[in-house]
C-alpha atoms as a PDB file:
ATOM      1  CA  MET A   1      -9.840 -41.275 -33.935  1.00  0.00           C
ATOM      2  CA  ALA A   2      -8.463 -39.753 -30.721  1.00  0.00           C
ATOM      3  CA  ILE A   3      -7.731 -36.457 -32.470  1.00  0.00           C
ATOM      4  CA  SER A   4     -11.335 -36.068 -33.644  1.00  0.00           C
ATOM      5  CA  ASN A   5     -12.580 -36.354 -30.018  1.00  0.00           C
ATOM      6  CA  PHE A   6     -10.477 -33.354 -28.980  1.00  0.00           C
ATOM      7  CA  ALA A   7     -11.379 -31.140 -31.947  1.00  0.00           C
ATOM      8  CA  PRO A   8     -14.589 -29.677 -30.410  1.00  0.00           C
ATOM      9  CA  ALA A   9     -12.839 -29.015 -27.085  1.00  0.00           C
ATOM     10  CA  ILE A  10      -9.939 -27.281 -28.818  1.00  0.00           C
ATOM     11  CA  SER A  11     -12.257 -25.118 -30.915  1.00  0.00           C
ATOM     12  CA  ILE A  12     -14.262 -24.098 -27.819  1.00  0.00           C
ATOM     13  CA  LEU A  13     -11.064 -23.198 -25.952  1.00  0.00           C
ATOM     14  CA  ALA A  14      -9.846 -21.174 -28.935  1.00  0.00           C
ATOM     15  CA  ALA A  15     -13.171 -19.295 -29.108  1.00  0.00           C
ATOM     16  CA  LEU A  16     -13.074 -18.540 -25.356  1.00  0.00           C
ATOM     17  CA  PHE A  17      -9.474 -17.330 -25.634  1.00  0.00           C
ATOM     18  CA  PHE A  18     -10.392 -15.072 -28.572  1.00  0.00           C
ATOM     19  CA  ALA A  19     -13.415 -13.648 -26.716  1.00  0.00           C
ATOM     20  CA  ALA A  20     -11.361 -13.006 -23.567  1.00  0.00           C
ATOM     21  CA  SER A  21      -8.609 -11.250 -25.496  1.00  0.00           C
ATOM     22  CA  THR A  22     -11.182  -9.118 -27.336  1.00  0.00           C
ATOM     23  CA  ILE A  23     -12.825  -8.044 -24.081  1.00  0.00           C
ATOM     24  CA  ALA A  24      -9.467  -7.339 -22.427  1.00  0.00           C
ATOM     25  CA  SER A  25      -8.284  -5.092 -25.258  1.00  0.00           C
ATOM     26  CA  SER A  26     -11.527  -3.125 -25.623  1.00  0.00           C
ATOM     27  CA  ASP A  27     -11.537   0.627 -25.146  1.00  0.00           C
ATOM     28  CA  ALA A  28     -13.111   0.929 -21.719  1.00  0.00           C
ATOM     29  CA  PRO A  29     -11.972   2.218 -18.352  1.00  0.00           C
ATOM     30  CA  PHE A  30     -10.909  -0.373 -15.821  1.00  0.00           C
ATOM     31  CA  ILE A  31     -11.082   1.042 -12.293  1.00  0.00           C
ATOM     32  CA  VAL A  32      -8.962  -0.379  -9.473  1.00  0.00           C
ATOM     33  CA  ALA A  33      -9.231   1.202  -6.011  1.00  0.00           C
ATOM     34  CA  HIS A  34      -7.048   0.636  -2.952  1.00  0.00           C
ATOM     35  CA  LYS A  35      -8.284   1.651   0.497  1.00  0.00           C
ATOM     36  CA  LYS A  36      -5.865   2.012   3.427  1.00  0.00           C
ATOM     37  CA  ALA A  37      -6.571   2.872   7.058  1.00  0.00           C
ATOM     38  CA  SER A  38      -4.099   3.491   9.862  1.00  0.00           C
ATOM     39  CA  LEU A  39      -4.592   4.137  13.561  1.00  0.00           C
ATOM     40  CA  THR A  40      -2.781   6.887  15.469  1.00  0.00           C
ATOM     41  CA  ARG A  41      -2.928   7.086  19.249  1.00  0.00           C
ATOM     42  CA  LEU A  42      -2.962  10.673  20.539  1.00  0.00           C
ATOM     43  CA  LYS A  43      -1.498  11.848  23.842  1.00  0.00           C
ATOM     44  CA  SER A  44      -4.990  12.615  25.168  1.00  0.00           C
ATOM     45  CA  GLY A  45      -5.907   8.911  24.999  1.00  0.00           C
ATOM     46  CA  SER A  46      -8.099   9.261  21.935  1.00  0.00           C
ATOM     47  CA  GLU A  47      -7.346   7.583  18.633  1.00  0.00           C
ATOM     48  CA  ARG A  48      -7.542   8.847  15.061  1.00  0.00           C
ATOM     49  CA  VAL A  49      -8.088   6.827  11.924  1.00  0.00           C
ATOM     50  CA  SER A  50      -6.445   8.119   8.743  1.00  0.00           C
ATOM     51  CA  VAL A  51      -8.150   6.747   5.628  1.00  0.00           C
ATOM     52  CA  SER A  52      -6.637   7.012   2.163  1.00  0.00           C
ATOM     53  CA  ILE A  53      -8.224   5.759  -1.063  1.00  0.00           C
ATOM     54  CA  ASP A  54      -6.316   5.630  -4.353  1.00  0.00           C
ATOM     55  CA  ILE A  55      -8.315   5.141  -7.566  1.00  0.00           C
ATOM     56  CA  TYR A  56      -6.442   3.893 -10.642  1.00  0.00           C
ATOM     57  CA  ASN A  57      -7.762   3.804 -14.205  1.00  0.00           C
ATOM     58  CA  GLN A  58      -5.951   0.823 -15.719  1.00  0.00           C
ATOM     59  CA  GLY A  59      -8.122   0.777 -18.843  1.00  0.00           C
ATOM     60  CA  TYR A  60      -7.685   2.416 -22.220  1.00  0.00           C
ATOM     61  CA  ALA A  61     -10.487   5.011 -22.035  1.00  0.00           C
ATOM     62  CA  THR A  62     -11.454   7.928 -19.809  1.00  0.00           C
ATOM     63  CA  ALA A  63     -14.011   7.452 -17.028  1.00  0.00           C
ATOM     64  CA  TYR A  64     -16.405  10.378 -16.542  1.00  0.00           C
ATOM     65  CA  ASP A  65     -18.432  11.571 -13.535  1.00  0.00           C
ATOM     66  CA  VAL A  66     -16.342   9.566 -11.073  1.00  0.00           C
ATOM     67  CA  THR A  67     -17.847   9.444  -7.579  1.00  0.00           C
ATOM     68  CA  LEU A  68     -16.290   7.910  -4.482  1.00  0.00           C
ATOM     69  CA  ASN A  69     -18.582   7.003  -1.591  1.00  0.00           C
ATOM     70  CA  ASP A  70     -17.253   5.454   1.627  1.00  0.00           C
ATOM     71  CA  ASP A  71     -20.151   5.471   4.106  1.00  0.00           C
ATOM     72  CA  SER A  72     -19.078   2.396   6.054  1.00  0.00           C
ATOM     73  CA  TRP A  73     -17.839   4.545   8.971  1.00  0.00           C
ATOM     74  CA  SER A  74     -20.600   4.495  11.595  1.00  0.00           C
ATOM     75  CA  GLN A  75     -21.378   7.846  13.195  1.00  0.00           C
ATOM     76  CA  ASP A  76     -21.906   6.027  16.509  1.00  0.00           C
ATOM     77  CA  VAL A  77     -18.265   4.973  16.500  1.00  0.00           C
ATOM     78  CA  PHE A  78     -16.441   7.761  14.593  1.00  0.00           C
ATOM     79  CA  ASP A  79     -16.514  11.548  14.204  1.00  0.00           C
ATOM     80  CA  ILE A  80     -15.179  13.108  11.008  1.00  0.00           C
ATOM     81  CA  VAL A  81     -12.227  15.351  11.881  1.00  0.00           C
ATOM     82  CA  SER A  82     -11.143  16.431   8.404  1.00  0.00           C
ATOM     83  CA  GLY A  83     -12.229  15.699   4.839  1.00  0.00           C
ATOM     84  CA  ASN A  84     -15.358  13.983   3.523  1.00  0.00           C
ATOM     85  CA  THR A  85     -16.306  10.355   3.074  1.00  0.00           C
ATOM     86  CA  SER A  86     -17.641  11.058  -0.427  1.00  0.00           C
ATOM     87  CA  VAL A  87     -16.195  13.103  -3.259  1.00  0.00           C
ATOM     88  CA  SER A  88     -16.707  13.535  -7.024  1.00  0.00           C
ATOM     89  CA  TRP A  89     -14.429  14.233  -9.962  1.00  0.00           C
ATOM     90  CA  GLU A  90     -15.316  15.204 -13.522  1.00  0.00           C
ATOM     91  CA  ARG A  91     -13.042  12.628 -15.175  1.00  0.00           C
ATOM     92  CA  LEU A  92     -10.336  10.046 -14.664  1.00  0.00           C
ATOM     93  CA  ASP A  93      -8.102   9.689 -17.696  1.00  0.00           C
ATOM     94  CA  ALA A  94      -6.607   6.353 -18.735  1.00  0.00           C
ATOM     95  CA  GLY A  95      -3.444   5.496 -16.815  1.00  0.00           C
ATOM     96  CA  THR A  96      -3.944   8.140 -14.113  1.00  0.00           C
ATOM     97  CA  VAL A  97      -4.558   8.062 -10.368  1.00  0.00           C
ATOM     98  CA  LEU A  98      -6.912   9.985  -8.089  1.00  0.00           C
ATOM     99  CA  SER A  99      -6.336  10.069  -4.340  1.00  0.00           C
ATOM    100  CA  HIS A 100      -8.648  11.038  -1.513  1.00  0.00           C
ATOM    101  CA  SER A 101      -8.072  11.009   2.218  1.00  0.00           C
ATOM    102  CA  PHE A 102      -9.958  11.891   5.362  1.00  0.00           C
ATOM    103  CA  GLU A 103      -9.469  11.570   9.088  1.00  0.00           C
ATOM    104  CA  LEU A 104     -11.800  10.243  11.764  1.00  0.00           C
ATOM    105  CA  GLU A 105     -11.710  10.216  15.544  1.00  0.00           C
ATOM    106  CA  ALA A 106     -12.894   7.172  17.460  1.00  0.00           C
ATOM    107  CA  LYS A 107     -15.604   7.582  20.104  1.00  0.00           C
ATOM    108  CA  THR A 108     -15.937   4.059  21.456  1.00  0.00           C
ATOM    109  CA  ARG A 109     -13.757   1.008  21.922  1.00  0.00           C
ATOM    110  CA  THR A 110     -14.549  -1.677  19.343  1.00  0.00           C
ATOM    111  CA  VAL A 111     -13.188  -3.885  16.600  1.00  0.00           C
ATOM    112  CA  PHE A 112     -14.320  -2.229  13.379  1.00  0.00           C
ATOM    113  CA  TYR A 113     -14.823  -4.130  10.128  1.00  0.00           C
ATOM    114  CA  GLY A 114     -14.974  -1.607   7.287  1.00  0.00           C
ATOM    115  CA  ALA A 115     -16.679  -2.272   3.969  1.00  0.00           C
ATOM    116  CA  PRO A 116     -15.088  -1.458   0.611  1.00  0.00           C
ATOM    117  CA  ALA A 117     -15.647   2.015  -0.800  1.00  0.00           C
ATOM    118  CA  VAL A 118     -17.970   2.288  -3.822  1.00  0.00           C
ATOM    119  CA  ILE A 119     -16.791   4.059  -6.965  1.00  0.00           C
ATOM    120  CA  THR A 120     -19.341   4.891  -9.657  1.00  0.00           C
ATOM    121  CA  PHE A 121     -18.385   6.209 -13.079  1.00  0.00           C
ATOM    122  CA  ARG A 122     -19.826   6.726 -16.510  1.00  0.00           C
ATOM    123  CA  VAL A 123     -18.546   5.220 -19.738  1.00  0.00           C
ATOM    124  CA  PRO A 124     -19.476   7.178 -22.897  1.00  0.00           C
ATOM    125  CA  THR A 125     -20.522   4.014 -24.771  1.00  0.00           C
ATOM    126  CA  LYS A 126     -22.923   2.799 -22.054  1.00  0.00           C
ATOM    127  CA  ALA A 127     -25.984   4.511 -20.620  1.00  0.00           C
ATOM    128  CA  ALA A 128     -25.907   2.949 -17.148  1.00  0.00           C
ATOM    129  CA  LEU A 129     -23.477   3.990 -14.435  1.00  0.00           C
ATOM    130  CA  GLN A 130     -20.692   1.492 -13.809  1.00  0.00           C
ATOM    131  CA  GLU A 131     -19.635   0.454 -10.288  1.00  0.00           C
ATOM    132  CA  ALA A 132     -16.286  -0.559  -8.854  1.00  0.00           C
ATOM    133  CA  TYR A 133     -15.298  -1.444  -5.305  1.00  0.00           C
ATOM    134  CA  SER A 134     -12.117  -0.724  -3.390  1.00  0.00           C
ATOM    135  CA  THR A 135     -10.138  -3.268  -1.474  1.00  0.00           C
ATOM    136  CA  PRO A 136     -11.507  -3.879   2.035  1.00  0.00           C
ATOM    137  CA  ILE A 137      -9.482  -2.895   5.066  1.00  0.00           C
ATOM    138  CA  LEU A 138      -8.277  -5.208   7.790  1.00  0.00           C
ATOM    139  CA  PRO A 139     -10.247  -5.107  11.044  1.00  0.00           C
ATOM    140  CA  LEU A 140      -9.305  -2.099  13.171  1.00  0.00           C
ATOM    141  CA  ASP A 141      -9.004  -2.610  16.928  1.00  0.00           C
ATOM    142  CA  VAL A 142     -10.039   0.898  17.925  1.00  0.00           C
ATOM    143  CA  LEU A 143      -9.064   2.230  21.375  1.00  0.00           C
ATOM    144  CA  ALA A 144      -7.661  -1.169  22.364  1.00  0.00           C
ATOM    145  CA  ASP A 145      -5.280  -1.606  25.264  1.00  0.00           C
ATOM    146  CA  ARG A 146      -1.899  -1.953  23.605  1.00  0.00           C
ATOM    147  CA  PRO A 147       1.460  -2.168  25.316  1.00  0.00           C
ATOM    148  CA  PRO A 148       3.480   0.984  24.699  1.00  0.00           C
ATOM    149  CA  GLU A 149       5.738   0.791  21.686  1.00  0.00           C
ATOM    150  CA  LYS A 150       9.411   0.577  22.564  1.00  0.00           C
ATOM    151  CA  LYS A 151      11.097   3.323  20.625  1.00  0.00           C
ATOM    152  CA  PHE A 152      14.830   3.897  20.320  1.00  0.00           C
ATOM    153  CA  ASP A 153      16.096   5.455  23.528  1.00  0.00           C
ATOM    154  CA  TRP A 154      18.197   8.485  22.618  1.00  0.00           C
ATOM    155  CA  ARG A 155      19.392   8.797  26.227  1.00  0.00           C
ATOM    156  CA  LEU A 156      21.448   5.614  25.814  1.00  0.00           C
ATOM    157  CA  LEU A 157      23.105   7.045  22.718  1.00  0.00           C
ATOM    158  CA  ALA A 158      23.927  10.275  24.551  1.00  0.00           C
ATOM    159  CA  LYS A 159      25.249   8.397  27.595  1.00  0.00           C
ATOM    160  CA  TYR A 160      27.343   5.684  25.912  1.00  0.00           C
ATOM    161  CA  GLY A 161      27.902   7.038  22.384  1.00  0.00           C
ATOM    162  CA  SER A 162      31.320   8.569  23.067  1.00  0.00           C
ATOM    163  CA  LEU A 163      32.526   5.417  24.846  1.00  0.00           C
ATOM    164  CA  VAL A 164      31.466   3.216  21.920  1.00  0.00           C
ATOM    165  CA  SER A 165      33.193   5.483  19.387  1.00  0.00           C
ATOM    166  CA  VAL A 166      36.503   5.542  21.370  1.00  0.00           C
ATOM    167  CA  ILE A 167      36.509   1.751  21.752  1.00  0.00           C
ATOM    168  CA  SER A 168      35.755   1.363  18.018  1.00  0.00           C
ATOM    169  CA  ILE A 169      38.683   3.607  17.083  1.00  0.00           C
ATOM    170  CA  VAL A 170      41.085   1.708  19.388  1.00  0.00           C
ATOM    171  CA  VAL A 171      39.981  -1.677  18.003  1.00  0.00           C
ATOM    172  CA  LEU A 172      40.371  -0.411  14.422  1.00  0.00           C
ATOM    173  CA  PHE A 173      43.876   0.915  15.206  1.00  0.00           C
ATOM    174  CA  VAL A 174      44.956  -2.384  16.775  1.00  0.00           C
ATOM    175  CA  TYR A 175      43.587  -4.288  13.776  1.00  0.00           C
ATOM    176  CA  LEU A 176      45.452  -2.080  11.290  1.00  0.00           C
ATOM    177  CA  VAL A 177      48.751  -2.351  13.212  1.00  0.00           C
ATOM    178  CA  SER A 178      48.560  -6.106  13.748  1.00  0.00           C
ATOM    179  CA  THR A 179      47.506  -7.028  10.203  1.00  0.00           C
ATOM    180  CA  PRO A 180      50.416  -7.072   7.738  1.00  0.00           C
ATOM    181  CA  SER A 181      49.920  -5.136   4.557  1.00  0.00           C
ATOM    182  CA  LYS A 182      49.904  -6.854   1.196  1.00  0.00           C
ATOM    183  CA  SER A 183      52.956  -4.982  -0.070  1.00  0.00           C
ATOM    184  CA  SER A 184      55.156  -6.134   2.835  1.00  0.00           C
ATOM    185  CA  ALA A 185      53.950  -9.710   2.355  1.00  0.00           C
ATOM    186  CA  SER A 186      54.943  -9.630  -1.312  1.00  0.00           C
ATOM    187  CA  LYS A 187      58.366  -8.188  -0.418  1.00  0.00           C
ATOM    188  CA  ALA A 188      58.941 -10.992   2.069  1.00  0.00           C
ATOM    189  CA  SER A 189      58.161 -13.626  -0.562  1.00  0.00           C
ATOM    190  CA  LYS A 190      60.602 -11.987  -3.018  1.00  0.00           C
ATOM    191  CA  LYS A 191      63.414 -12.003  -0.423  1.00  0.00           C
ATOM    192  CA  LYS A 192      63.017 -15.766   0.116  1.00  0.00           C
ATOM    193  CA  ARG A 193      63.817 -16.499  -3.541  1.00  0.00           C
END
């Protein structure tokens, strides 16, 4: 009796599993895009944003007429220094990667929340354009007051480097002289017999 109550649920789960596996193994492109942005402070006090977008085709078919559009960068806040925020490619084969990068310069101090980039592409079996979105970026604190980064001070290495190396050599020598070798320890144990 209890088995007959679970029969419809099991058959529905089996049908859903079959449908999901059929969709997953179909011959279609599957676009995954990763968007990265990094801030670089220049000596002049301005700040540049380097944006890089990688587009992966993880599917089993080629995507055609691939277009990347990243218009989330406000012209009130940023100037384009190099590259374009939109670009097109003829095709993206299965298992391949396309990369695009551009650089912006910040005009005003703000915390910027960027939207994902939009990727449109065409699949030969469908008439309508398909859309994919990149990963969003973390909020960028543009032109913020940051404490200076403490980098390795090469002057300390130049000043104390020779002293450290001499002391290291002396300590190593003392260690080697004071530690008995294994061969002399085995000879001493043989003499005791």
